[in-house]
Protein backbone atom coordinates (compact mmCIF):
# COMPACT_ATOMS: atom_id res chain seq x y z
CA UNK A 1 -1.38 7.53 10.58
CA UNK A 2 -4.21 7.14 8.14
CA UNK A 3 -5.02 3.68 6.81
CA UNK A 4 -6.56 3.25 3.38
CA UNK A 5 -7.85 -0.21 2.65
CA UNK A 6 -7.13 -1.06 -0.94
CA UNK A 7 -9.23 -4.24 -0.97
CA UNK A 8 -12.43 -5.31 0.59
CA UNK A 9 -11.49 -6.23 4.21
CA UNK A 10 -11.47 -9.93 5.00
CA UNK A 11 -9.65 -12.36 2.77
CA UNK A 12 -5.96 -12.32 1.98
CA UNK A 13 -4.67 -12.58 -1.60
CA UNK A 14 -7.17 -10.10 -3.13
CA UNK A 15 -6.25 -7.78 -5.96
CA UNK A 16 -5.78 -4.13 -5.23
CA UNK A 17 -8.87 -2.09 -6.23
CA UNK A 18 -7.30 0.61 -8.52
CA UNK A 19 -9.91 3.25 -7.58
CA UNK A 20 -8.71 3.18 -3.97
CA UNK A 21 -5.51 4.88 -5.09
CA UNK A 22 -7.66 7.90 -6.02
CA UNK A 23 -8.45 8.10 -2.27
CA UNK A 24 -4.72 7.96 -1.47
CA UNK A 25 -4.04 10.76 -3.97
CA UNK A 26 -6.81 12.93 -2.55
CA UNK A 27 -5.63 12.31 1.01
CA UNK A 28 -1.99 13.06 0.10
CA UNK A 29 -3.12 16.34 -1.55
CA UNK A 30 -5.11 17.32 1.56
CA UNK A 31 -2.18 16.53 3.81
CA UNK A 32 0.23 18.54 1.74
CA UNK A 33 -2.13 21.55 1.33
CA UNK A 34 -2.72 21.67 5.05
CA UNK A 35 0.85 20.93 6.15
CA UNK A 36 -0.16 17.87 8.21
CA UNK A 37 2.48 15.48 9.46
CA UNK A 38 0.90 12.07 9.03
CA UNK A 39 1.75 8.79 7.35
CA UNK A 40 -0.51 7.17 4.72
CA UNK A 41 -0.66 3.36 5.04
CA UNK A 42 -2.17 1.11 2.43
CA UNK A 43 -3.34 -2.44 3.13
CA UNK A 44 -4.46 -4.98 0.61
CA UNK A 45 -3.24 -6.26 -2.77
CA UNK A 46 0.22 -4.83 -2.32
CA UNK A 47 2.77 -6.76 -4.40
CA UNK A 48 5.69 -6.10 -6.70
CA UNK A 49 3.34 -4.77 -9.39
CA UNK A 50 1.25 -2.46 -7.17
CA UNK A 51 3.64 -1.10 -4.53
CA UNK A 52 5.09 1.53 -6.86
CA UNK A 53 1.60 2.70 -7.87
CA UNK A 54 0.64 3.07 -4.24
CA UNK A 55 3.87 4.89 -3.50
CA UNK A 56 3.35 7.27 -6.43
CA UNK A 57 -0.23 7.89 -5.19
CA UNK A 58 1.24 9.08 -1.82
CA UNK A 59 1.39 6.08 0.49
CA UNK A 60 4.57 5.68 2.53
CA UNK A 61 3.71 2.60 4.64
CA UNK A 62 2.66 -0.71 3.00
CA UNK A 63 1.04 -3.79 4.51
CA UNK A 64 2.33 -6.73 2.47
CA UNK A 65 1.01 -10.19 3.35
CA UNK A 66 0.37 -12.71 0.63
CA UNK A 67 3.12 -11.36 -1.68
CA UNK A 68 5.60 -12.29 1.08
CA UNK A 69 4.23 -15.45 2.65
CA UNK A 70 3.46 -17.08 -0.69
CA UNK A 71 7.09 -16.54 -1.78
CA UNK A 72 9.47 -19.53 -1.55
CA UNK A 73 12.14 -17.30 -0.05
CA UNK A 74 10.40 -15.03 2.48
CA UNK A 75 13.60 -13.20 3.44
CA UNK A 76 14.39 -12.40 -0.19
CA UNK A 77 10.81 -11.23 -0.80
CA UNK A 78 11.03 -8.87 2.21
CA UNK A 79 14.36 -7.49 1.06
CA UNK A 80 13.06 -6.87 -2.48
CA UNK A 81 10.19 -4.81 -1.05
CA UNK A 82 12.51 -2.75 1.14
CA UNK A 83 14.41 -1.65 -2.00
């Protein structure tokens, strides 16, 4: 697995830094071109607005913290991300 931090490490609740998705795209391209079997995980600023952008960039594992724990219905939030 390769982890790409999409915020400055440290504090929860930060906004995803859009330029970090360029790193995900470049990594995904390298993986595909070299036929490497590895997951790309993104951590930071993942929410209902950014998860699809990260997925489109090539990530397939998502660390979601604040977008879940700040939700009134945690189970519903988790289920919505699974879809």
